[in-house]
Amino acid sequence: MERVTRHASLRSQQRGIPRILVDLLIDFGAQADAGYGARKLFFDKQARRRIHAYAGPLASLLDEHLDVYAVVGADMQVITVGHRTERIRRH
């Protein structure tokens, strides 16, 4: 099953977010509630550590690109992606 909607694919292209970052968000990202059953995936400190453990020396090349987020539905299909410009507050 395709994990990215057409809308998310367009937003990813428009915002310069490569597919590998979306895949890393799905595999390693932290989650916060986004309402209506959706979840927001992002890289917090623990997620960045997991990426460093997984990617080894290549992780340092990704560090400057990890300020992104993705909104996923209940079926983990990516609805949209974007760049984080402020802190994500979890309650």
PDB file of N, CA and C in Angstrom:
ATOM      1  N   MET A   1       0.831  -1.188   0.000  1.00  0.00           N
ATOM      2  CA  MET A   1       0.000   0.000   0.000  1.00  0.00           C
ATOM      3  C   MET A   1       0.876   1.253   0.000  1.00  0.00           C
ATOM      4  N   GLU A   2       0.511   2.222  -0.791  1.00  0.00           N
ATOM      5  CA  GLU A   2       1.230   3.494  -0.835  1.00  0.00           C
ATOM      6  C   GLU A   2       0.996   4.247   0.466  1.00  0.00           C
ATOM      7  N   ARG A   3       2.076   4.734   1.076  1.00  0.00           N
ATOM      8  CA  ARG A   3       1.961   5.383   2.379  1.00  0.00           C
ATOM      9  C   ARG A   3       1.815   6.897   2.280  1.00  0.00           C
ATOM     10  N   VAL A   4       1.850   7.462   1.072  1.00  0.00           N
ATOM     11  CA  VAL A   4       1.806   8.912   0.906  1.00  0.00           C
ATOM     12  C   VAL A   4       0.671   9.275  -0.046  1.00  0.00           C
ATOM     13  N   THR A   5      -0.194  10.208   0.369  1.00  0.00           N
ATOM     14  CA  THR A   5      -1.274  10.667  -0.503  1.00  0.00           C
ATOM     15  C   THR A   5      -0.714  11.562  -1.596  1.00  0.00           C
ATOM     16  N   ARG A   6      -1.530  11.822  -2.582  1.00  0.00           N
ATOM     17  CA  ARG A   6      -1.113  12.704  -3.674  1.00  0.00           C
ATOM     18  C   ARG A   6      -0.844  14.112  -3.137  1.00  0.00           C
ATOM     19  N   HIS A   7      -1.686  14.550  -2.214  1.00  0.00           N
ATOM     20  CA  HIS A   7      -1.499  15.871  -1.602  1.00  0.00           C
ATOM     21  C   HIS A   7      -0.151  15.951  -0.892  1.00  0.00           C
ATOM     22  N   ALA A   8       0.180  14.927  -0.115  1.00  0.00           N
ATOM     23  CA  ALA A   8       1.461  14.921   0.608  1.00  0.00           C
ATOM     24  C   ALA A   8       2.630  14.880  -0.365  1.00  0.00           C
ATOM     25  N   SER A   9       2.483  14.155  -1.445  1.00  0.00           N
ATOM     26  CA  SER A   9       3.538  14.093  -2.444  1.00  0.00           C
ATOM     27  C   SER A   9       3.769  15.470  -3.077  1.00  0.00           C
ATOM     28  N   LEU A  10       2.689  16.180  -3.389  1.00  0.00           N
ATOM     29  CA  LEU A  10       2.808  17.525  -3.945  1.00  0.00           C
ATOM     30  C   LEU A  10       3.451  18.483  -2.946  1.00  0.00           C
ATOM     31  N   ARG A  11       3.012  18.442  -1.686  1.00  0.00           N
ATOM     32  CA  ARG A  11       3.564  19.322  -0.658  1.00  0.00           C
ATOM     33  C   ARG A  11       5.038  19.017  -0.422  1.00  0.00           C
ATOM     34  N   SER A  12       5.379  17.749  -0.447  1.00  0.00           N
ATOM     35  CA  SER A  12       6.766  17.348  -0.269  1.00  0.00           C
ATOM     36  C   SER A  12       7.638  17.934  -1.381  1.00  0.00           C
ATOM     37  N   GLN A  13       7.152  17.869  -2.597  1.00  0.00           N
ATOM     38  CA  GLN A  13       7.888  18.412  -3.734  1.00  0.00           C
ATOM     39  C   GLN A  13       7.978  19.934  -3.638  1.00  0.00           C
ATOM     40  N   GLN A  14       6.877  20.589  -3.311  1.00  0.00           N
ATOM     41  CA  GLN A  14       6.862  22.046  -3.218  1.00  0.00           C
ATOM     42  C   GLN A  14       7.779  22.562  -2.115  1.00  0.00           C
ATOM     43  N   ARG A  15       7.850  21.814  -1.014  1.00  0.00           N
ATOM     44  CA  ARG A  15       8.600  22.265   0.152  1.00  0.00           C
ATOM     45  C   ARG A  15      10.005  21.692   0.220  1.00  0.00           C
ATOM     46  N   GLY A  16      10.392  20.913  -0.762  1.00  0.00           N
ATOM     47  CA  GLY A  16      11.753  20.386  -0.832  1.00  0.00           C
ATOM     48  C   GLY A  16      12.067  19.371   0.253  1.00  0.00           C
ATOM     49  N   ILE A  17      11.092  18.531   0.572  1.00  0.00           N
ATOM     50  CA  ILE A  17      11.281  17.501   1.592  1.00  0.00           C
ATOM     51  C   ILE A  17      11.384  16.158   0.877  1.00  0.00           C
ATOM     52  N   PRO A  18      12.568  15.541   0.881  1.00  0.00           N
ATOM     53  CA  PRO A  18      12.731  14.277   0.153  1.00  0.00           C
ATOM     54  C   PRO A  18      11.975  13.124   0.816  1.00  0.00           C
ATOM     55  N   ARG A  19      11.644  12.153   0.016  1.00  0.00           N
ATOM     56  CA  ARG A  19      10.870  10.991   0.478  1.00  0.00           C
ATOM     57  C   ARG A  19      11.582  10.244   1.601  1.00  0.00           C
ATOM     58  N   ILE A  20      12.911  10.228   1.583  1.00  0.00           N
ATOM     59  CA  ILE A  20      13.641   9.506   2.628  1.00  0.00           C
ATOM     60  C   ILE A  20      13.350  10.095   4.005  1.00  0.00           C
ATOM     61  N   LEU A  21      13.168  11.414   4.101  1.00  0.00           N
ATOM     62  CA  LEU A  21      12.833  12.023   5.390  1.00  0.00           C
ATOM     63  C   LEU A  21      11.437  11.617   5.845  1.00  0.00           C
ATOM     64  N   VAL A  22      10.511  11.498   4.912  1.00  0.00           N
ATOM     65  CA  VAL A  22       9.162  11.054   5.256  1.00  0.00           C
ATOM     66  C   VAL A  22       9.213   9.614   5.763  1.00  0.00           C
ATOM     67  N   ASP A  23       9.984   8.777   5.101  1.00  0.00           N
ATOM     68  CA  ASP A  23      10.125   7.393   5.545  1.00  0.00           C
ATOM     69  C   ASP A  23      10.780   7.311   6.925  1.00  0.00           C
ATOM     70  N   LEU A  24      11.784   8.147   7.168  1.00  0.00           N
ATOM     71  CA  LEU A  24      12.420   8.177   8.488  1.00  0.00           C
ATOM     72  C   LEU A  24      11.450   8.660   9.559  1.00  0.00           C
ATOM     73  N   LEU A  25      10.589   9.621   9.220  1.00  0.00           N
ATOM     74  CA  LEU A  25       9.570  10.071  10.172  1.00  0.00           C
ATOM     75  C   LEU A  25       8.636   8.933  10.552  1.00  0.00           C
ATOM     76  N   ILE A  26       8.213   8.174   9.571  1.00  0.00           N
ATOM     77  CA  ILE A  26       7.303   7.057   9.835  1.00  0.00           C
ATOM     78  C   ILE A  26       7.981   5.999  10.694  1.00  0.00           C
ATOM     79  N   ASP A  27       9.245   5.712  10.410  1.00  0.00           N
ATOM     80  CA  ASP A  27       9.950   4.652  11.121  1.00  0.00           C
ATOM     81  C   ASP A  27      10.471   5.069  12.494  1.00  0.00           C
ATOM     82  N   PHE A  28      10.930   6.316  12.643  1.00  0.00           N
ATOM     83  CA  PHE A  28      11.618   6.718  13.871  1.00  0.00           C
ATOM     84  C   PHE A  28      10.991   7.907  14.592  1.00  0.00           C
ATOM     85  N   GLY A  29      10.065   8.612  13.984  1.00  0.00           N
ATOM     86  CA  GLY A  29       9.553   9.859  14.535  1.00  0.00           C
ATOM     87  C   GLY A  29       8.702   9.700  15.780  1.00  0.00           C
ATOM     88  N   ALA A  30       8.706  10.745  16.601  1.00  0.00           N
ATOM     89  CA  ALA A  30       7.828  10.827  17.762  1.00  0.00           C
ATOM     90  C   ALA A  30       6.445  11.239  17.270  1.00  0.00           C
ATOM     91  N   GLN A  31       5.421  10.960  18.085  1.00  0.00           N
ATOM     92  CA  GLN A  31       4.052  11.250  17.674  1.00  0.00           C
ATOM     93  C   GLN A  31       3.365  12.164  18.672  1.00  0.00           C
ATOM     94  N   ALA A  32       2.512  13.023  18.142  1.00  0.00           N
ATOM     95  CA  ALA A  32       1.652  13.872  18.967  1.00  0.00           C
ATOM     96  C   ALA A  32       0.282  13.903  18.298  1.00  0.00           C
ATOM     97  N   ASP A  33      -0.756  14.040  19.091  1.00  0.00           N
ATOM     98  CA  ASP A  33      -2.113  14.073  18.560  1.00  0.00           C
ATOM     99  C   ASP A  33      -2.310  15.334  17.726  1.00  0.00           C
ATOM    100  N   ALA A  34      -2.920  15.180  16.554  1.00  0.00           N
ATOM    101  CA  ALA A  34      -3.189  16.321  15.675  1.00  0.00           C
ATOM    102  C   ALA A  34      -4.689  16.561  15.522  1.00  0.00           C
ATOM    103  N   GLY A  35      -5.510  15.795  16.227  1.00  0.00           N
ATOM    104  CA  GLY A  35      -6.953  15.954  16.158  1.00  0.00           C
ATOM    105  C   GLY A  35      -7.587  15.104  15.081  1.00  0.00           C
ATOM    106  N   TYR A  36      -8.846  14.795  15.271  1.00  0.00           N
ATOM    107  CA  TYR A  36      -9.644  14.022  14.318  1.00  0.00           C
ATOM    108  C   TYR A  36      -9.012  12.678  13.964  1.00  0.00           C
ATOM    109  N   GLY A  37      -8.322  12.072  14.903  1.00  0.00           N
ATOM    110  CA  GLY A  37      -7.708  10.764  14.686  1.00  0.00           C
ATOM    111  C   GLY A  37      -6.362  10.805  13.985  1.00  0.00           C
ATOM    112  N   ALA A  38      -5.923  11.985  13.611  1.00  0.00           N
ATOM    113  CA  ALA A  38      -4.629  12.125  12.925  1.00  0.00           C
ATOM    114  C   ALA A  38      -3.515  12.297  13.947  1.00  0.00           C
ATOM    115  N   ARG A  39      -2.300  11.994  13.535  1.00  0.00           N
ATOM    116  CA  ARG A  39      -1.118  12.135  14.388  1.00  0.00           C
ATOM    117  C   ARG A  39      -0.081  12.967  13.654  1.00  0.00           C
ATOM    118  N   LYS A  40       0.676  13.747  14.408  1.00  0.00           N
ATOM    119  CA  LYS A  40       1.774  14.521  13.840  1.00  0.00           C
ATOM    120  C   LYS A  40       3.068  13.812  14.191  1.00  0.00           C
ATOM    121  N   LEU A  41       3.874  13.493  13.194  1.00  0.00           N
ATOM    122  CA  LEU A  41       5.165  12.844  13.386  1.00  0.00           C
ATOM    123  C   LEU A  41       6.264  13.883  13.244  1.00  0.00           C
ATOM    124  N   PHE A  42       7.240  13.831  14.125  1.00  0.00           N
ATOM    125  CA  PHE A  42       8.345  14.783  14.089  1.00  0.00           C
ATOM    126  C   PHE A  42       9.552  14.148  14.755  1.00  0.00           C
ATOM    127  N   PHE A  43      10.700  14.772  14.609  1.00  0.00           N
ATOM    128  CA  PHE A  43      11.930  14.268  15.208  1.00  0.00           C
ATOM    129  C   PHE A  43      12.208  15.011  16.509  1.00  0.00           C
ATOM    130  N   ASP A  44      12.044  14.318  17.626  1.00  0.00           N
ATOM    131  CA  ASP A  44      12.461  14.883  18.901  1.00  0.00           C
ATOM    132  C   ASP A  44      13.863  14.363  19.216  1.00  0.00           C
ATOM    133  N   LYS A  45      14.357  14.648  20.396  1.00  0.00           N
ATOM    134  CA  LYS A  45      15.724  14.267  20.747  1.00  0.00           C
ATOM    135  C   LYS A  45      15.925  12.749  20.692  1.00  0.00           C
ATOM    136  N   GLN A  46      14.956  11.982  21.201  1.00  0.00           N
ATOM    137  CA  GLN A  46      15.083  10.526  21.179  1.00  0.00           C
ATOM    138  C   GLN A  46      15.033   9.981  19.760  1.00  0.00           C
ATOM    139  N   ALA A  47      14.187  10.567  18.918  1.00  0.00           N
ATOM    140  CA  ALA A  47      14.101  10.115  17.524  1.00  0.00           C
ATOM    141  C   ALA A  47      15.408  10.395  16.788  1.00  0.00           C
ATOM    142  N   ARG A  48      16.015  11.526  17.067  1.00  0.00           N
ATOM    143  CA  ARG A  48      17.298  11.856  16.438  1.00  0.00           C
ATOM    144  C   ARG A  48      18.377  10.868  16.888  1.00  0.00           C
ATOM    145  N   ARG A  49      18.333  10.458  18.144  1.00  0.00           N
ATOM    146  CA  ARG A  49      19.289   9.450  18.637  1.00  0.00           C
ATOM    147  C   ARG A  49      19.087   8.115  17.934  1.00  0.00           C
ATOM    148  N   ARG A  50      17.815   7.724  17.732  1.00  0.00           N
ATOM    149  CA  ARG A  50      17.535   6.460  17.031  1.00  0.00           C
ATOM    150  C   ARG A  50      18.039   6.518  15.591  1.00  0.00           C
ATOM    151  N   ILE A  51      17.907   7.667  14.944  1.00  0.00           N
ATOM    152  CA  ILE A  51      18.402   7.818  13.578  1.00  0.00           C
ATOM    153  C   ILE A  51      19.924   7.715  13.558  1.00  0.00           C
ATOM    154  N   HIS A  52      20.588   8.338  14.536  1.00  0.00           N
ATOM    155  CA  HIS A  52      22.047   8.251  14.598  1.00  0.00           C
ATOM    156  C   HIS A  52      22.497   6.808  14.806  1.00  0.00           C
ATOM    157  N   ALA A  53      21.779   6.053  15.635  1.00  0.00           N
ATOM    158  CA  ALA A  53      22.126   4.651  15.860  1.00  0.00           C
ATOM    159  C   ALA A  53      21.883   3.826  14.594  1.00  0.00           C
ATOM    160  N   TYR A  54      20.849   4.157  13.849  1.00  0.00           N
ATOM    161  CA  TYR A  54      20.489   3.411  12.652  1.00  0.00           C
ATOM    162  C   TYR A  54      21.409   3.751  11.474  1.00  0.00           C
ATOM    163  N   ALA A  55      21.652   5.040  11.249  1.00  0.00           N
ATOM    164  CA  ALA A  55      22.370   5.474  10.045  1.00  0.00           C
ATOM    165  C   ALA A  55      23.871   5.615  10.247  1.00  0.00           C
ATOM    166  N   GLY A  56      24.329   5.626  11.477  1.00  0.00           N
ATOM    167  CA  GLY A  56      25.759   5.744  11.736  1.00  0.00           C
ATOM    168  C   GLY A  56      26.323   7.049  11.221  1.00  0.00           C
ATOM    169  N   PRO A  57      27.441   6.999  10.485  1.00  0.00           N
ATOM    170  CA  PRO A  57      28.091   8.225  10.017  1.00  0.00           C
ATOM    171  C   PRO A  57      27.233   9.047   9.051  1.00  0.00           C
ATOM    172  N   LEU A  58      26.300   8.418   8.364  1.00  0.00           N
ATOM    173  CA  LEU A  58      25.445   9.154   7.431  1.00  0.00           C
ATOM    174  C   LEU A  58      24.468  10.077   8.154  1.00  0.00           C
ATOM    175  N   ALA A  59      24.196   9.811   9.426  1.00  0.00           N
ATOM    176  CA  ALA A  59      23.236  10.611  10.179  1.00  0.00           C
ATOM    177  C   ALA A  59      23.667  12.060  10.303  1.00  0.00           C
ATOM    178  N   SER A  60      24.968  12.309  10.353  1.00  0.00           N
ATOM    179  CA  SER A  60      25.437  13.690  10.483  1.00  0.00           C
ATOM    180  C   SER A  60      25.073  14.515   9.246  1.00  0.00           C
ATOM    181  N   LEU A  61      24.938  13.864   8.095  1.00  0.00           N
ATOM    182  CA  LEU A  61      24.533  14.566   6.880  1.00  0.00           C
ATOM    183  C   LEU A  61      23.050  14.943   6.913  1.00  0.00           C
ATOM    184  N   LEU A  62      22.266  14.197   7.691  1.00  0.00           N
ATOM    185  CA  LEU A  62      20.825  14.438   7.765  1.00  0.00           C
ATOM    186  C   LEU A  62      20.454  15.471   8.819  1.00  0.00           C
ATOM    187  N   ASP A  63      21.332  15.734   9.784  1.00  0.00           N
ATOM    188  CA  ASP A  63      21.001  16.568  10.944  1.00  0.00           C
ATOM    189  C   ASP A  63      20.343  17.888  10.584  1.00  0.00           C
ATOM    190  N   GLU A  64      20.857  18.578   9.597  1.00  0.00           N
ATOM    191  CA  GLU A  64      20.324  19.899   9.279  1.00  0.00           C
ATOM    192  C   GLU A  64      18.981  19.844   8.562  1.00  0.00           C
ATOM    193  N   HIS A  65      18.522  18.645   8.197  1.00  0.00           N
ATOM    194  CA  HIS A  65      17.268  18.492   7.467  1.00  0.00           C
ATOM    195  C   HIS A  65      16.163  17.858   8.307  1.00  0.00           C
ATOM    196  N   LEU A  66      16.369  17.688   9.598  1.00  0.00           N
ATOM    197  CA  LEU A  66      15.422  16.949  10.426  1.00  0.00           C
ATOM    198  C   LEU A  66      14.330  17.813  11.056  1.00  0.00           C
ATOM    199  N   ASP A  67      14.257  19.081  10.739  1.00  0.00           N
ATOM    200  CA  ASP A  67      13.196  19.931  11.273  1.00  0.00           C
ATOM    201  C   ASP A  67      11.987  19.911  10.348  1.00  0.00           C
ATOM    202  N   VAL A  68      11.421  18.730  10.183  1.00  0.00           N
ATOM    203  CA  VAL A  68      10.244  18.531   9.351  1.00  0.00           C
ATOM    204  C   VAL A  68       9.191  17.785  10.164  1.00  0.00           C
ATOM    205  N   TYR A  69       7.973  17.784   9.672  1.00  0.00           N
ATOM    206  CA  TYR A  69       6.906  17.018  10.309  1.00  0.00           C
ATOM    207  C   TYR A  69       6.023  16.418   9.224  1.00  0.00           C
ATOM    208  N   ALA A  70       5.256  15.432   9.627  1.00  0.00           N
ATOM    209  CA  ALA A  70       4.271  14.833   8.732  1.00  0.00           C
ATOM    210  C   ALA A  70       3.007  14.598   9.535  1.00  0.00           C
ATOM    211  N   VAL A  71       1.868  14.774   8.909  1.00  0.00           N
ATOM    212  CA  VAL A  71       0.582  14.461   9.522  1.00  0.00           C
ATOM    213  C   VAL A  71       0.095  13.177   8.872  1.00  0.00           C
ATOM    214  N   VAL A  72      -0.224  12.188   9.707  1.00  0.00           N
ATOM    215  CA  VAL A  72      -0.677  10.890   9.201  1.00  0.00           C
ATOM    216  C   VAL A  72      -2.065  10.583   9.741  1.00  0.00           C
ATOM    217  N   GLY A  73      -2.823   9.852   8.955  1.00  0.00           N
ATOM    218  CA  GLY A  73      -4.147   9.426   9.367  1.00  0.00           C
ATOM    219  C   GLY A  73      -4.067   8.193  10.248  1.00  0.00           C
ATOM    220  N   ALA A  74      -5.213   7.678  10.639  1.00  0.00           N
ATOM    221  CA  ALA A  74      -5.282   6.510  11.508  1.00  0.00           C
ATOM    222  C   ALA A  74      -4.643   5.280  10.858  1.00  0.00           C
ATOM    223  N   ASP A  75      -4.632   5.217   9.526  1.00  0.00           N
ATOM    224  CA  ASP A  75      -4.045   4.090   8.798  1.00  0.00           C
ATOM    225  C   ASP A  75      -2.567   4.305   8.483  1.00  0.00           C
ATOM    226  N   MET A  76      -1.951   5.337   9.092  1.00  0.00           N
ATOM    227  CA  MET A  76      -0.537   5.703   8.900  1.00  0.00           C
ATOM    228  C   MET A  76      -0.237   6.140   7.473  1.00  0.00           C
ATOM    229  N   GLN A  77      -1.238   6.597   6.746  1.00  0.00           N
ATOM    230  CA  GLN A  77      -1.012   7.154   5.427  1.00  0.00           C
ATOM    231  C   GLN A  77      -0.712   8.644   5.606  1.00  0.00           C
ATOM    232  N   VAL A  78       0.366   9.121   4.994  1.00  0.00           N
ATOM    233  CA  VAL A  78       0.810  10.512   5.147  1.00  0.00           C
ATOM    234  C   VAL A  78      -0.165  11.439   4.426  1.00  0.00           C
ATOM    235  N   ILE A  79      -0.690  12.409   5.172  1.00  0.00           N
ATOM    236  CA  ILE A  79      -1.658  13.359   4.628  1.00  0.00           C
ATOM    237  C   ILE A  79      -0.957  14.606   4.109  1.00  0.00           C
ATOM    238  N   THR A  80      -0.001  15.135   4.872  1.00  0.00           N
ATOM    239  CA  THR A  80       0.762  16.300   4.448  1.00  0.00           C
ATOM    240  C   THR A  80       2.099  16.334   5.177  1.00  0.00           C
ATOM    241  N   VAL A  81       3.017  17.121   4.660  1.00  0.00           N
ATOM    242  CA  VAL A  81       4.336  17.290   5.268  1.00  0.00           C
ATOM    243  C   VAL A  81       4.693  18.770   5.254  1.00  0.00           C
ATOM    244  N   GLY A  82       5.615  19.154   6.137  1.00  0.00           N
ATOM    245  CA  GLY A  82       6.038  20.545   6.178  1.00  0.00           C
ATOM    246  C   GLY A  82       7.293  20.711   7.014  1.00  0.00           C
ATOM    247  N   HIS A  83       7.793  21.930   7.035  1.00  0.00           N
ATOM    248  CA  HIS A  83       8.959  22.277   7.847  1.00  0.00           C
ATOM    249  C   HIS A  83       8.471  22.795   9.194  1.00  0.00           C
ATOM    250  N   ARG A  84       9.118  22.356  10.252  1.00  0.00           N
ATOM    251  CA  ARG A  84       8.776  22.851  11.586  1.00  0.00           C
ATOM    252  C   ARG A  84       9.368  24.238  11.765  1.00  0.00           C
ATOM    253  N   THR A  85       8.538  25.187  12.142  1.00  0.00           N
ATOM    254  CA  THR A  85       9.024  26.538  12.402  1.00  0.00           C
ATOM    255  C   THR A  85       8.901  26.897  13.875  1.00  0.00           C
ATOM    256  N   GLU A  86       8.185  26.076  14.632  1.00  0.00           N
ATOM    257  CA  GLU A  86       8.064  26.304  16.062  1.00  0.00           C
ATOM    258  C   GLU A  86       7.998  24.973  16.783  1.00  0.00           C
ATOM    259  N   ARG A  87       8.124  25.038  18.072  1.00  0.00           N
ATOM    260  CA  ARG A  87       8.135  23.835  18.899  1.00  0.00           C
ATOM    261  C   ARG A  87       6.764  23.151  18.875  1.00  0.00           C
ATOM    262  N   ILE A  88       6.779  21.828  18.850  1.00  0.00           N
ATOM    263  CA  ILE A  88       5.538  21.051  18.921  1.00  0.00           C
ATOM    264  C   ILE A  88       5.267  20.764  20.392  1.00  0.00           C
ATOM    265  N   ARG A  89       4.151  21.236  20.868  1.00  0.00           N
ATOM    266  CA  ARG A  89       3.812  21.078  22.287  1.00  0.00           C
ATOM    267  C   ARG A  89       2.989  19.805  22.471  1.00  0.00           C
ATOM    268  N   ARG A  90       3.446  18.987  23.393  1.00  0.00           N
ATOM    269  CA  ARG A  90       2.722  17.755  23.723  1.00  0.00           C
ATOM    270  C   ARG A  90       2.141  17.902  25.116  1.00  0.00           C
ATOM    271  N   HIS A  91       0.914  17.509  25.303  1.00  0.00           N
ATOM    272  CA  HIS A  91       0.259  17.651  26.610  1.00  0.00           C
ATOM    273  C   HIS A  91       0.139  16.327  27.273  1.00  0.00           C
TER     274      HIS A  91
END
